[in-house]
Amino acid sequence: MIRYFIHLMFLIIISLSSCNQGNLKVKSTSTIQIYDGKYDSHFPLTPVDSDIAKIERTVKLITNLTFYQAYDFSFESGITPENLTDDDLKTKATKSYIVEQPASGTATLIAQSFNKIALLTCEHVVCASDTLINYFLDQNGQLTSFIQSIAIKTRESMNIITLPGLKNIHILASDKNIDVAIVTATLDPMPIFPIPVFDYPMGKAEELNWGTFVYVIGFPYGKKLISTAIVSDPRRDKKNGFIIDATMHRGASGGIIVALRDGSPNFELVGMASALSAEREYILRPEDEFNVLNIEFGRPYEGNIIIDKRMKINYGIVYAISIEAIQDFIKSNKDKIADAGFTL
């Protein structure tokens, strides 16, 4: 019994002594960087903050405000796109008004030539439709051929945030099919110091795999956000488009996607965020949903109820344009780009 007690006390003393020695460290195994020439599918093993900071300085918020002259029609008027005339807009429209359609997205500085700059973005961010048409629904909820409202573009205004003194902002080249555009602008006055331009290598989206680790930099809801993501469905189309699981919001379109090849600092541009997964949902809302001060909450609503449709975003599914598609776009517009004074 005495021997057992002494042995127990000896174990307790050793245990307490070990806990009080602050300089004792448990040796942990660390992952070894594998240099195989492939894109990494794991979190970076060395700090990447300096490279990410260098990249994010080239990413800008771009906005486009489009103005439309809109007209409403009654179902009885029987107006269709085929028989609509200019006189109908004046005589048969039940209402005429101005509509503003704002859009925002992400653009990346890819070139500077003296006092001119070029930015890469998505076509749908900077190219608004010339005409918007809403059609009446029949009693079964199916679209008819009769116009309920039509909006015709009158003018638009583009702006690149955080780059003051820009003039002559316009679209140099665009392609609706692949959703890519290049925007140019003039710097006035000419900045004293060079503007940061994205100068990392172009990668190969065809070499991305399921699980490749990437970074996405964009402006969801107008806030610059750097997000990590995993590649899914690589080479999902003939142009090597792919999907990433980034939780991005509206405004992320045009955000660049970079991947690491054999660890930091070997970043490469592999694509650009283009679209979020979304589905249409139908809702009931007050006729004047913006005048909420006159609504008595907690009581039955006595005004007119409107059936409306909205897009519900499925967060975590982002479709990406491959770098190969972007390079093909640049090649097909090389003359325009060269005439503007840029070398890409």
Protein backbone atom coordinates (compact mmCIF):
# COMPACT_ATOMS: atom_id res chain seq x y z
CA MET A 1 0.00 0.00 0.00
CA ILE A 2 2.81 2.39 0.89
CA ARG A 3 4.71 1.50 -2.30
CA TYR A 4 1.57 2.15 -4.38
CA PHE A 5 1.06 5.56 -2.72
CA ILE A 6 4.67 6.59 -3.37
CA HIS A 7 4.40 5.49 -7.02
CA LEU A 8 1.18 7.51 -7.46
CA MET A 9 2.73 10.65 -5.94
CA PHE A 10 5.69 10.27 -8.27
CA LEU A 11 3.40 10.26 -11.32
CA ILE A 12 1.52 13.35 -10.10
CA ILE A 13 4.78 15.27 -9.57
CA ILE A 14 5.97 14.39 -13.09
CA SER A 15 2.63 15.49 -14.54
CA LEU A 16 2.63 18.82 -12.71
CA SER A 17 6.24 19.43 -13.61
CA SER A 18 5.48 18.87 -17.29
CA CYS A 19 2.54 21.30 -17.20
CA ASN A 20 4.64 24.06 -15.60
CA GLN A 21 7.43 23.91 -18.14
CA GLY A 22 6.32 26.54 -20.63
CA ASN A 23 9.26 25.91 -22.94
CA LEU A 24 8.17 22.37 -23.72
CA LYS A 25 6.73 22.12 -27.24
CA VAL A 26 4.97 19.32 -29.02
CA LYS A 27 6.52 18.71 -32.39
CA SER A 28 3.84 18.71 -35.09
CA THR A 29 4.11 17.43 -38.61
CA SER A 30 3.71 20.09 -41.31
CA THR A 31 2.56 19.62 -44.87
CA ILE A 32 5.36 19.74 -47.41
CA GLN A 33 4.93 21.79 -50.57
CA ILE A 34 4.91 19.47 -53.56
CA TYR A 35 6.48 20.92 -56.68
CA ASP A 36 4.72 19.01 -59.45
CA GLY A 37 3.94 21.83 -61.89
CA LYS A 38 0.22 21.57 -61.15
CA TYR A 39 -2.20 24.02 -59.56
CA ASP A 40 -2.38 23.64 -55.78
CA SER A 41 -5.43 22.03 -54.20
CA HIS A 42 -4.62 23.05 -50.63
CA PHE A 43 -4.43 26.20 -48.53
CA PRO A 44 -1.13 28.08 -49.09
CA LEU A 45 1.68 26.87 -46.83
CA THR A 46 3.45 30.23 -46.85
CA PRO A 47 2.05 33.76 -46.47
CA VAL A 48 0.49 35.25 -49.60
CA ASP A 49 -0.67 38.58 -48.18
CA SER A 50 1.89 40.70 -50.04
CA ASP A 51 0.97 39.22 -53.43
CA ILE A 52 -2.77 39.41 -52.74
CA ALA A 53 -2.35 43.05 -51.71
CA LYS A 54 -0.52 43.73 -54.97
CA ILE A 55 -3.27 42.06 -56.97
CA GLU A 56 -6.20 43.69 -55.19
CA ARG A 57 -4.86 47.17 -55.90
CA THR A 58 -5.55 46.55 -59.59
CA VAL A 59 -9.20 45.58 -59.01
CA LYS A 60 -11.75 48.43 -59.21
CA LEU A 61 -15.47 48.96 -58.75
CA ILE A 62 -17.23 49.88 -61.98
CA THR A 63 -20.78 51.23 -62.20
CA ASN A 64 -23.11 51.87 -65.11
CA LEU A 65 -26.35 53.86 -64.82
CA THR A 66 -28.75 53.49 -67.74
CA PHE A 67 -31.79 55.70 -68.34
CA TYR A 68 -34.88 54.42 -70.14
CA GLN A 69 -38.04 56.07 -71.42
CA ALA A 70 -40.77 53.62 -70.40
CA TYR A 71 -44.37 53.17 -71.56
CA ASP A 72 -47.22 51.09 -70.11
CA PHE A 73 -50.05 49.58 -72.18
CA SER A 74 -53.34 47.96 -71.36
CA PHE A 75 -54.09 44.38 -72.37
CA GLU A 76 -56.99 45.61 -74.52
CA SER A 77 -54.67 47.70 -76.68
CA GLY A 78 -53.23 44.48 -78.16
CA ILE A 79 -49.77 45.94 -78.69
CA THR A 80 -47.14 43.44 -79.86
CA PRO A 81 -43.49 44.01 -80.87
CA GLU A 82 -44.47 43.44 -84.50
CA ASN A 83 -47.21 46.10 -84.66
CA LEU A 84 -45.73 48.67 -82.26
CA THR A 85 -45.23 52.10 -83.87
CA ASP A 86 -43.92 55.44 -82.66
CA ASP A 87 -47.48 56.79 -82.68
CA ASP A 88 -48.56 53.97 -80.35
CA LEU A 89 -46.04 55.20 -77.77
CA LYS A 90 -47.75 58.59 -77.79
CA THR A 91 -51.40 57.70 -78.25
CA LYS A 92 -51.96 54.21 -76.79
CA ALA A 93 -49.64 54.22 -73.79
CA THR A 94 -51.52 54.50 -70.50
CA LYS A 95 -48.46 55.84 -68.72
CA SER A 96 -45.08 57.33 -69.65
CA TYR A 97 -42.16 57.67 -67.23
CA ILE A 98 -38.37 57.56 -66.81
CA VAL A 99 -36.67 54.41 -65.48
CA GLU A 100 -33.14 54.25 -64.09
CA GLN A 101 -31.36 50.91 -64.16
CA PRO A 102 -28.16 50.85 -62.11
CA ALA A 103 -25.55 48.14 -62.51
CA SER A 104 -22.27 47.57 -60.74
CA GLY A 105 -19.50 45.05 -61.07
CA THR A 106 -15.78 44.51 -60.98
CA ALA A 107 -13.08 45.61 -63.42
CA THR A 108 -9.34 44.91 -63.38
CA LEU A 109 -6.65 47.24 -64.70
CA ILE A 110 -4.77 45.28 -67.33
CA ALA A 111 -2.88 48.00 -69.22
CA GLN A 112 -1.74 51.63 -69.13
CA SER A 113 -0.44 53.62 -72.06
CA PHE A 114 0.59 57.14 -71.11
CA ASN A 115 -2.64 58.77 -69.91
CA LYS A 116 -4.94 55.92 -71.02
CA ILE A 117 -5.93 52.81 -69.10
CA ALA A 118 -7.69 49.58 -70.07
CA LEU A 119 -9.80 47.45 -67.75
CA LEU A 120 -11.17 43.93 -68.10
CA THR A 121 -14.75 43.23 -66.99
CA CYS A 122 -17.95 41.39 -67.94
CA GLU A 123 -20.01 42.53 -70.89
CA HIS A 124 -23.31 42.49 -68.98
CA VAL A 125 -21.92 44.94 -66.39
CA VAL A 126 -21.25 47.72 -68.90
CA CYS A 127 -23.57 46.91 -71.81
CA ALA A 128 -27.21 47.53 -70.95
CA SER A 129 -29.97 46.35 -73.27
CA ASP A 130 -31.29 48.91 -75.75
CA THR A 131 -34.89 47.82 -75.13
CA LEU A 132 -36.64 46.12 -72.22
CA ILE A 133 -40.06 44.50 -72.72
CA ASN A 134 -42.49 43.00 -70.22
CA TYR A 135 -45.39 40.88 -71.51
CA PHE A 136 -48.82 40.19 -70.08
CA LEU A 137 -49.56 36.77 -68.59
CA ASP A 138 -52.67 34.80 -69.48
CA GLN A 139 -55.02 33.19 -66.94
CA ASN A 140 -52.72 30.15 -66.78
CA GLY A 141 -49.68 32.26 -65.97
CA GLN A 142 -48.17 31.82 -69.43
CA LEU A 143 -46.54 34.67 -71.33
CA THR A 144 -48.60 36.23 -74.10
CA SER A 145 -47.34 38.22 -77.08
CA PHE A 146 -48.98 41.45 -75.80
CA ILE A 147 -46.72 44.12 -74.37
CA GLN A 148 -47.42 45.27 -70.83
CA SER A 149 -44.55 47.76 -70.73
CA ILE A 150 -41.60 48.72 -72.88
CA ALA A 151 -38.50 50.74 -71.95
CA ILE A 152 -36.22 52.30 -74.55
CA LYS A 153 -32.65 53.32 -73.62
CA THR A 154 -31.99 57.05 -73.87
CA ARG A 155 -28.54 57.42 -72.29
CA GLU A 156 -26.08 55.81 -69.88
CA SER A 157 -23.27 56.90 -67.59
CA MET A 158 -20.26 54.78 -66.64
CA ASN A 159 -17.93 55.39 -63.70
CA ILE A 160 -14.87 53.67 -62.25
CA ILE A 161 -14.69 54.17 -58.51
CA THR A 162 -11.40 54.98 -56.68
CA LEU A 163 -9.88 56.35 -59.89
CA PRO A 164 -10.60 60.10 -59.80
CA GLY A 165 -10.18 62.37 -62.77
CA LEU A 166 -11.25 59.90 -65.45
CA LYS A 167 -12.64 61.13 -68.73
CA ASN A 168 -13.96 59.56 -71.89
CA ILE A 169 -14.90 56.25 -70.26
CA HIS A 170 -16.18 53.97 -72.98
CA ILE A 171 -16.30 50.36 -74.16
CA LEU A 172 -13.39 49.50 -76.43
CA ALA A 173 -14.54 45.96 -77.25
CA SER A 174 -17.19 43.56 -76.01
CA ASP A 175 -18.60 40.10 -76.70
CA LYS A 176 -22.04 39.19 -75.38
CA ASN A 177 -21.66 35.48 -76.07
CA ILE A 178 -18.68 34.98 -73.76
CA ASP A 179 -19.59 37.96 -71.54
CA VAL A 180 -16.25 39.80 -71.75
CA ALA A 181 -15.52 43.48 -72.33
CA ILE A 182 -12.61 45.89 -72.25
CA VAL A 183 -13.26 49.43 -71.03
CA THR A 184 -10.87 52.33 -71.61
CA ALA A 185 -10.59 55.73 -69.96
CA THR A 186 -8.38 58.81 -70.04
CA LEU A 187 -6.52 59.97 -66.94
CA ASP A 188 -6.82 63.71 -66.42
CA PRO A 189 -4.58 64.91 -64.94
CA MET A 190 -1.83 62.42 -65.60
CA PRO A 191 -0.91 60.78 -62.25
CA ILE A 192 2.55 61.40 -60.84
CA PHE A 193 3.07 57.74 -59.99
CA PRO A 194 2.25 54.76 -62.23
CA ILE A 195 -1.12 53.13 -61.61
CA PRO A 196 -0.88 49.49 -60.43
CA VAL A 197 -1.62 47.15 -63.35
CA PHE A 198 -2.20 43.41 -63.09
CA ASP A 199 1.07 41.84 -64.25
CA TYR A 200 0.88 38.23 -63.10
CA PRO A 201 1.10 35.45 -65.72
CA MET A 202 -1.88 34.19 -67.66
CA GLY A 203 -2.67 30.64 -66.54
CA LYS A 204 -4.45 27.69 -68.12
CA ALA A 205 -7.98 26.90 -67.01
CA GLU A 206 -7.74 23.62 -68.89
CA GLU A 207 -5.29 22.46 -66.19
CA LEU A 208 -7.65 23.17 -63.29
CA ASN A 209 -8.95 20.09 -61.50
CA TRP A 210 -11.76 19.20 -59.14
CA GLY A 211 -10.68 20.73 -55.82
CA THR A 212 -8.16 23.27 -57.12
CA PHE A 213 -7.80 26.09 -54.58
CA VAL A 214 -8.37 29.62 -55.96
CA TYR A 215 -8.81 33.23 -54.84
CA VAL A 216 -11.57 35.52 -56.10
CA ILE A 217 -11.39 39.32 -55.86
CA GLY A 218 -14.50 41.38 -56.58
CA PHE A 219 -16.99 43.98 -55.38
CA PRO A 220 -20.13 42.21 -54.13
CA TYR A 221 -22.62 44.85 -52.96
CA GLY A 222 -19.97 47.49 -53.73
CA LYS A 223 -17.54 46.19 -51.10
CA LYS A 224 -14.14 44.88 -52.15
CA LEU A 225 -13.96 41.26 -51.03
CA ILE A 226 -11.24 38.65 -51.30
CA SER A 227 -12.65 35.15 -51.06
CA THR A 228 -11.21 31.66 -51.32
CA ALA A 229 -12.96 28.96 -53.29
CA ILE A 230 -12.70 25.45 -54.68
CA VAL A 231 -13.02 24.60 -58.36
CA SER A 232 -15.80 22.28 -59.49
CA ASP A 233 -16.80 20.99 -62.91
CA PRO A 234 -13.57 22.05 -64.67
CA ARG A 235 -13.64 22.16 -68.46
CA ARG A 236 -17.44 22.28 -68.34
CA ASP A 237 -17.61 23.73 -71.87
CA LYS A 238 -15.50 23.95 -75.00
CA LYS A 239 -13.82 27.09 -73.69
CA ASN A 240 -12.78 25.48 -70.36
CA GLY A 241 -15.32 27.33 -68.22
CA PHE A 242 -15.67 26.14 -64.63
CA ILE A 243 -17.62 26.61 -61.38
CA ILE A 244 -16.37 27.77 -57.97
CA ASP A 245 -18.09 27.61 -54.59
CA ALA A 246 -17.42 31.21 -53.54
CA THR A 247 -20.22 32.87 -51.57
CA MET A 248 -20.39 35.98 -53.72
CA HIS A 249 -23.19 38.53 -54.16
CA ARG A 250 -24.34 40.94 -56.86
CA GLY A 251 -21.45 43.08 -58.08
CA ALA A 252 -18.93 40.23 -58.14
CA SER A 253 -19.27 39.88 -61.92
CA GLY A 254 -15.92 40.64 -63.51
CA GLY A 255 -13.97 39.61 -60.42
CA ILE A 256 -10.70 37.93 -61.31
CA ILE A 257 -9.88 34.37 -60.24
CA VAL A 258 -6.26 33.46 -59.51
CA ALA A 259 -4.67 30.14 -58.64
CA LEU A 260 -1.29 29.10 -57.23
CA ARG A 261 1.02 26.81 -59.14
CA ASP A 262 3.51 25.18 -56.76
CA GLY A 263 2.94 27.65 -53.94
CA SER A 264 3.50 31.35 -53.32
CA PRO A 265 4.25 33.65 -55.07
CA ASN A 266 3.32 31.80 -58.26
CA PHE A 267 -0.12 33.27 -58.86
CA GLU A 268 -1.72 32.92 -62.29
CA LEU A 269 -4.91 34.39 -63.73
CA VAL A 270 -7.19 31.46 -64.60
CA GLY A 271 -10.58 33.13 -65.09
CA MET A 272 -13.18 35.73 -64.27
CA ALA A 273 -16.42 35.44 -62.30
CA SER A 274 -19.36 35.88 -64.64
CA ALA A 275 -22.68 34.82 -63.14
CA LEU A 276 -24.33 33.63 -59.95
CA SER A 277 -26.79 30.77 -59.87
CA ALA A 278 -30.32 32.13 -59.45
CA GLU A 279 -33.92 31.16 -59.87
CA ARG A 280 -37.07 33.20 -60.47
CA GLU A 281 -39.67 33.39 -57.73
CA TYR A 282 -43.09 35.06 -57.78
CA ILE A 283 -44.25 37.16 -54.84
CA LEU A 284 -47.21 39.25 -53.73
CA ARG A 285 -46.41 42.81 -52.72
CA PRO A 286 -48.17 46.11 -52.03
CA GLU A 287 -48.75 48.26 -55.11
CA ASP A 288 -46.51 50.97 -53.63
CA GLU A 289 -43.99 48.98 -51.64
CA PHE A 290 -41.71 51.98 -51.19
CA ASN A 291 -44.32 54.04 -49.31
CA VAL A 292 -44.15 51.86 -46.20
CA LEU A 293 -44.92 54.75 -43.84
CA ASN A 294 -48.60 54.52 -44.73
CA ILE A 295 -48.80 50.77 -44.07
CA GLU A 296 -50.20 49.77 -40.69
CA PHE A 297 -48.21 46.72 -39.70
CA GLY A 298 -50.13 44.04 -37.85
CA ARG A 299 -53.38 44.92 -39.62
CA PRO A 300 -54.92 43.61 -42.87
CA TYR A 301 -53.64 45.45 -45.93
CA GLU A 302 -56.46 47.17 -47.82
CA GLY A 303 -54.56 48.42 -50.87
CA ASN A 304 -53.93 46.77 -54.21
CA ILE A 305 -51.79 43.64 -54.27
CA ILE A 306 -49.32 43.22 -57.15
CA ILE A 307 -47.93 39.93 -58.47
CA ASP A 308 -44.21 40.44 -59.02
CA LYS A 309 -41.22 38.34 -59.94
CA ARG A 310 -37.75 38.51 -58.46
CA MET A 311 -34.53 36.60 -58.81
CA LYS A 312 -33.43 34.54 -55.83
CA ILE A 313 -29.67 33.97 -55.71
CA ASN A 314 -28.39 30.50 -54.89
CA TYR A 315 -25.28 31.48 -52.99
CA GLY A 316 -22.19 29.30 -53.30
CA ILE A 317 -22.44 28.62 -57.05
CA VAL A 318 -20.42 31.00 -59.24
CA TYR A 319 -19.88 30.44 -62.96
CA ALA A 320 -16.48 31.45 -64.31
CA ILE A 321 -15.15 32.44 -67.72
CA SER A 322 -11.85 30.74 -68.51
CA ILE A 323 -8.65 32.62 -69.22
CA GLU A 324 -8.54 30.86 -72.61
CA ALA A 325 -11.87 32.47 -73.58
CA ILE A 326 -10.55 35.86 -72.45
CA GLN A 327 -7.36 35.43 -74.47
CA ASP A 328 -9.36 34.45 -77.57
CA PHE A 329 -11.45 37.60 -77.08
CA ILE A 330 -8.29 39.73 -76.86
CA LYS A 331 -6.86 38.13 -80.00
CA SER A 332 -10.07 38.72 -81.95
CA ASN A 333 -9.98 42.40 -80.99
CA LYS A 334 -6.22 42.93 -81.29
CA ASP A 335 -6.61 45.61 -83.97
CA LYS A 336 -8.97 47.69 -81.82
CA ILE A 337 -6.67 47.27 -78.82
CA ALA A 338 -3.58 48.24 -80.83
CA ASP A 339 -5.28 51.27 -82.39
CA ALA A 340 -6.13 52.46 -78.86
CA GLY A 341 -2.42 52.30 -78.00
CA PHE A 342 -2.41 49.22 -75.77
CA THR A 343 -0.27 46.09 -75.89
CA LEU A 344 -1.82 43.13 -74.07
